[in-house]
């Protein structure tokens, strides 16, 4: 257990930040799952909307520092690739 005031404050800050980061990551995962379900179902319109939402959420999460910007870009690229494959099928 922390003894100094600064160490106790750090524990509080870490708990608060962990909670926010986990919440943001959970939302990103939910949006990606929704997109992948639309792709699996073959619904282009729903997939396009879900892709837009997922990309926006990934960008916001990267901007806040929860996710590294390169990791967010990589995920966006992979999602876009899946959507393009769906669109090419017709």
N, C-alpha and C. Protein backbone atom coordinates (compact mmCIF):
# COMPACT_ATOMS: atom_id res chain seq x y z
N UNK A 1 0.84 -1.18 0.00
CA UNK A 1 0.00 0.00 0.00
C UNK A 1 0.88 1.24 0.00
N UNK A 2 0.45 2.25 -0.73
CA UNK A 2 1.21 3.49 -0.84
C UNK A 2 1.17 4.26 0.48
N UNK A 3 2.30 4.90 0.80
CA UNK A 3 2.38 5.66 2.05
C UNK A 3 2.33 7.16 1.82
N UNK A 4 3.03 7.64 0.79
CA UNK A 4 3.09 9.09 0.59
C UNK A 4 1.82 9.59 -0.09
N UNK A 5 1.54 10.86 0.10
CA UNK A 5 0.35 11.46 -0.51
C UNK A 5 0.40 11.39 -2.03
N UNK A 6 1.59 11.63 -2.58
CA UNK A 6 1.72 11.61 -4.04
C UNK A 6 1.47 10.20 -4.60
N UNK A 7 1.91 9.18 -3.88
CA UNK A 7 1.69 7.80 -4.32
C UNK A 7 0.21 7.45 -4.26
N UNK A 8 -0.46 7.94 -3.22
CA UNK A 8 -1.91 7.69 -3.09
C UNK A 8 -2.67 8.39 -4.22
N UNK A 9 -2.22 9.60 -4.55
CA UNK A 9 -2.85 10.35 -5.64
C UNK A 9 -2.65 9.61 -6.97
N UNK A 10 -1.46 9.09 -7.18
CA UNK A 10 -1.18 8.35 -8.41
C UNK A 10 -2.10 7.13 -8.53
N UNK A 11 -2.35 6.47 -7.42
CA UNK A 11 -3.25 5.31 -7.43
C UNK A 11 -4.65 5.74 -7.87
N UNK A 12 -5.11 6.87 -7.33
CA UNK A 12 -6.43 7.39 -7.72
C UNK A 12 -6.46 7.75 -9.20
N UNK A 13 -5.42 8.44 -9.66
CA UNK A 13 -5.36 8.85 -11.06
C UNK A 13 -5.32 7.64 -12.00
N UNK A 14 -4.52 6.65 -11.62
CA UNK A 14 -4.40 5.45 -12.46
C UNK A 14 -5.73 4.72 -12.57
N UNK A 15 -6.46 4.64 -11.45
CA UNK A 15 -7.76 3.96 -11.46
C UNK A 15 -8.74 4.70 -12.37
N UNK A 16 -8.74 6.02 -12.28
CA UNK A 16 -9.65 6.83 -13.10
C UNK A 16 -9.31 6.69 -14.58
N UNK A 17 -8.03 6.76 -14.91
CA UNK A 17 -7.60 6.65 -16.31
C UNK A 17 -7.86 5.26 -16.86
N UNK A 18 -7.62 4.24 -16.04
CA UNK A 18 -7.86 2.86 -16.48
C UNK A 18 -9.33 2.67 -16.81
N UNK A 19 -10.19 3.22 -15.97
CA UNK A 19 -11.62 3.11 -16.19
C UNK A 19 -12.04 3.78 -17.51
N UNK A 20 -11.53 4.98 -17.75
CA UNK A 20 -11.86 5.69 -18.99
C UNK A 20 -11.33 4.94 -20.21
N UNK A 21 -10.09 4.48 -20.12
CA UNK A 21 -9.48 3.77 -21.25
C UNK A 21 -10.22 2.48 -21.57
N UNK A 22 -10.60 1.75 -20.53
CA UNK A 22 -11.34 0.50 -20.75
C UNK A 22 -12.69 0.77 -21.39
N UNK A 23 -13.33 1.85 -20.97
CA UNK A 23 -14.62 2.21 -21.56
C UNK A 23 -14.49 2.54 -23.03
N UNK A 24 -13.47 3.32 -23.38
CA UNK A 24 -13.24 3.68 -24.77
C UNK A 24 -12.93 2.45 -25.62
N UNK A 25 -12.10 1.56 -25.10
CA UNK A 25 -11.75 0.35 -25.84
C UNK A 25 -12.96 -0.55 -26.02
N UNK A 26 -13.82 -0.60 -25.01
CA UNK A 26 -15.03 -1.42 -25.10
C UNK A 26 -15.93 -0.92 -26.23
N UNK A 27 -16.09 0.40 -26.32
CA UNK A 27 -16.93 0.98 -27.37
C UNK A 27 -16.35 0.67 -28.75
N UNK A 28 -15.03 0.77 -28.89
CA UNK A 28 -14.37 0.46 -30.16
C UNK A 28 -14.63 -0.99 -30.54
N UNK A 29 -14.46 -1.90 -29.59
CA UNK A 29 -14.66 -3.32 -29.87
C UNK A 29 -16.10 -3.61 -30.27
N UNK A 30 -17.06 -2.95 -29.62
CA UNK A 30 -18.47 -3.14 -29.96
C UNK A 30 -18.75 -2.66 -31.38
N UNK A 31 -18.19 -1.52 -31.75
CA UNK A 31 -18.39 -0.98 -33.10
C UNK A 31 -17.78 -1.89 -34.16
N UNK A 32 -16.59 -2.42 -33.87
CA UNK A 32 -15.93 -3.32 -34.81
C UNK A 32 -16.73 -4.61 -34.96
N UNK A 33 -17.24 -5.13 -33.83
CA UNK A 33 -18.07 -6.35 -33.89
C UNK A 33 -19.31 -6.13 -34.74
N UNK A 34 -19.92 -4.97 -34.58
CA UNK A 34 -21.13 -4.63 -35.35
C UNK A 34 -20.80 -4.58 -36.85
N UNK A 35 -19.66 -3.99 -37.19
CA UNK A 35 -19.24 -3.93 -38.59
C UNK A 35 -18.99 -5.32 -39.14
N UNK A 36 -18.27 -6.14 -38.39
CA UNK A 36 -17.94 -7.48 -38.87
C UNK A 36 -19.19 -8.35 -39.02
N UNK A 37 -20.18 -8.13 -38.16
CA UNK A 37 -21.44 -8.86 -38.29
C UNK A 37 -22.15 -8.45 -39.58
N UNK A 38 -22.12 -7.17 -39.90
CA UNK A 38 -22.75 -6.68 -41.13
C UNK A 38 -22.04 -7.24 -42.36
N UNK A 39 -20.72 -7.32 -42.30
CA UNK A 39 -19.94 -7.88 -43.42
C UNK A 39 -20.26 -9.37 -43.57
N UNK A 40 -20.32 -10.07 -42.46
CA UNK A 40 -20.62 -11.51 -42.49
C UNK A 40 -22.02 -11.75 -43.06
N UNK A 41 -22.94 -10.85 -42.76
CA UNK A 41 -24.30 -10.96 -43.27
C UNK A 41 -24.43 -10.52 -44.72
N UNK A 42 -23.42 -9.86 -45.25
CA UNK A 42 -23.43 -9.42 -46.63
C UNK A 42 -24.25 -8.16 -46.88
N UNK A 43 -24.56 -7.44 -45.83
CA UNK A 43 -25.37 -6.21 -45.94
C UNK A 43 -24.45 -5.01 -46.17
N UNK A 44 -24.37 -4.56 -47.44
CA UNK A 44 -23.44 -3.48 -47.79
C UNK A 44 -23.80 -2.15 -47.13
N UNK A 45 -25.09 -1.82 -47.11
CA UNK A 45 -25.51 -0.53 -46.56
C UNK A 45 -25.23 -0.46 -45.06
N UNK A 46 -25.57 -1.54 -44.36
CA UNK A 46 -25.33 -1.58 -42.92
C UNK A 46 -23.83 -1.59 -42.62
N UNK A 47 -23.07 -2.31 -43.45
CA UNK A 47 -21.62 -2.38 -43.27
C UNK A 47 -20.98 -1.00 -43.49
N UNK A 48 -21.47 -0.26 -44.47
CA UNK A 48 -20.92 1.07 -44.75
C UNK A 48 -21.15 2.00 -43.57
N UNK A 49 -22.35 1.96 -43.00
CA UNK A 49 -22.66 2.80 -41.84
C UNK A 49 -21.84 2.39 -40.63
N UNK A 50 -21.73 1.07 -40.40
CA UNK A 50 -20.96 0.56 -39.26
C UNK A 50 -19.48 0.89 -39.42
N UNK A 51 -18.98 0.85 -40.66
CA UNK A 51 -17.58 1.18 -40.92
C UNK A 51 -17.32 2.64 -40.57
N UNK A 52 -18.23 3.51 -40.97
CA UNK A 52 -18.09 4.94 -40.68
C UNK A 52 -18.02 5.18 -39.17
N UNK A 53 -18.90 4.53 -38.42
CA UNK A 53 -18.95 4.68 -36.96
C UNK A 53 -17.66 4.14 -36.33
N UNK A 54 -17.23 2.95 -36.78
CA UNK A 54 -16.03 2.32 -36.22
C UNK A 54 -14.78 3.17 -36.50
N UNK A 55 -14.68 3.69 -37.72
CA UNK A 55 -13.52 4.52 -38.07
C UNK A 55 -13.47 5.78 -37.22
N UNK A 56 -14.62 6.40 -37.03
CA UNK A 56 -14.68 7.62 -36.21
C UNK A 56 -14.27 7.31 -34.77
N UNK A 57 -14.78 6.22 -34.23
CA UNK A 57 -14.47 5.86 -32.85
C UNK A 57 -12.99 5.52 -32.68
N UNK A 58 -12.43 4.80 -33.65
CA UNK A 58 -11.00 4.48 -33.59
C UNK A 58 -10.15 5.76 -33.62
N UNK A 59 -10.52 6.70 -34.46
CA UNK A 59 -9.78 7.96 -34.56
C UNK A 59 -9.86 8.75 -33.26
N UNK A 60 -11.05 8.80 -32.67
CA UNK A 60 -11.22 9.52 -31.41
C UNK A 60 -10.41 8.88 -30.29
N UNK A 61 -10.40 7.56 -30.27
CA UNK A 61 -9.66 6.84 -29.23
C UNK A 61 -8.16 7.08 -29.39
N UNK A 62 -7.69 7.12 -30.62
CA UNK A 62 -6.27 7.39 -30.87
C UNK A 62 -5.93 8.83 -30.49
N UNK A 63 -6.83 9.75 -30.77
CA UNK A 63 -6.58 11.16 -30.45
C UNK A 63 -6.48 11.38 -28.95
N UNK A 64 -7.20 10.59 -28.18
CA UNK A 64 -7.17 10.71 -26.72
C UNK A 64 -5.98 9.98 -26.11
N UNK A 65 -5.25 9.21 -26.92
CA UNK A 65 -4.06 8.54 -26.44
C UNK A 65 -4.29 7.16 -25.87
N UNK A 66 -5.52 6.68 -25.91
CA UNK A 66 -5.81 5.35 -25.39
C UNK A 66 -5.24 4.29 -26.32
N UNK A 67 -5.31 4.55 -27.61
CA UNK A 67 -4.80 3.65 -28.63
C UNK A 67 -3.73 4.42 -29.41
N UNK A 68 -2.65 3.76 -29.76
CA UNK A 68 -1.60 4.43 -30.53
C UNK A 68 -2.15 4.76 -31.92
N UNK A 69 -1.72 5.89 -32.46
CA UNK A 69 -2.27 6.32 -33.75
C UNK A 69 -1.97 5.34 -34.87
N UNK A 70 -0.82 4.68 -34.82
CA UNK A 70 -0.50 3.69 -35.85
C UNK A 70 -1.38 2.45 -35.71
N UNK A 71 -1.68 2.07 -34.48
CA UNK A 71 -2.56 0.92 -34.24
C UNK A 71 -3.96 1.22 -34.75
N UNK A 72 -4.42 2.44 -34.51
CA UNK A 72 -5.74 2.84 -35.00
C UNK A 72 -5.76 2.86 -36.52
N UNK A 73 -4.72 3.38 -37.13
CA UNK A 73 -4.63 3.42 -38.59
C UNK A 73 -4.62 2.01 -39.18
N UNK A 74 -3.89 1.12 -38.54
CA UNK A 74 -3.83 -0.27 -39.00
C UNK A 74 -5.20 -0.92 -38.93
N UNK A 75 -5.91 -0.71 -37.83
CA UNK A 75 -7.25 -1.30 -37.68
C UNK A 75 -8.22 -0.72 -38.70
N UNK A 76 -8.16 0.59 -38.91
CA UNK A 76 -9.02 1.24 -39.90
C UNK A 76 -8.74 0.66 -41.29
N UNK A 77 -7.47 0.49 -41.61
CA UNK A 77 -7.07 -0.05 -42.90
C UNK A 77 -7.63 -1.46 -43.10
N UNK A 78 -7.56 -2.27 -42.08
CA UNK A 78 -8.06 -3.64 -42.17
C UNK A 78 -9.58 -3.68 -42.32
N UNK A 79 -10.27 -2.78 -41.61
CA UNK A 79 -11.72 -2.71 -41.73
C UNK A 79 -12.11 -2.26 -43.14
N UNK A 80 -11.40 -1.26 -43.66
CA UNK A 80 -11.68 -0.75 -45.00
C UNK A 80 -11.44 -1.84 -46.04
N UNK A 81 -10.40 -2.64 -45.83
CA UNK A 81 -10.09 -3.73 -46.75
C UNK A 81 -11.22 -4.76 -46.77
N UNK A 82 -11.78 -5.07 -45.61
CA UNK A 82 -12.90 -6.01 -45.54
C UNK A 82 -14.13 -5.44 -46.25
N UNK A 83 -14.36 -4.15 -46.06
CA UNK A 83 -15.51 -3.52 -46.71
C UNK A 83 -15.33 -3.51 -48.23
N UNK A 84 -14.13 -3.20 -48.70
CA UNK A 84 -13.86 -3.18 -50.13
C UNK A 84 -14.06 -4.55 -50.76
N UNK A 85 -13.68 -5.60 -50.03
CA UNK A 85 -13.88 -6.97 -50.53
C UNK A 85 -15.37 -7.27 -50.64
N UNK A 86 -16.15 -6.80 -49.67
CA UNK A 86 -17.60 -7.00 -49.70
C UNK A 86 -18.22 -6.24 -50.87
N UNK A 87 -17.78 -5.01 -51.08
CA UNK A 87 -18.32 -4.18 -52.16
C UNK A 87 -17.96 -4.75 -53.54
N UNK A 88 -16.78 -5.36 -53.65
CA UNK A 88 -16.34 -5.91 -54.93
C UNK A 88 -17.15 -7.16 -55.32
N UNK A 89 -17.66 -7.86 -54.31
CA UNK A 89 -18.44 -9.07 -54.59
C UNK A 89 -19.74 -8.73 -55.31
N UNK A 90 -20.24 -7.54 -55.05
CA UNK A 90 -21.46 -7.13 -55.75
C UNK A 90 -22.60 -7.20 -54.88
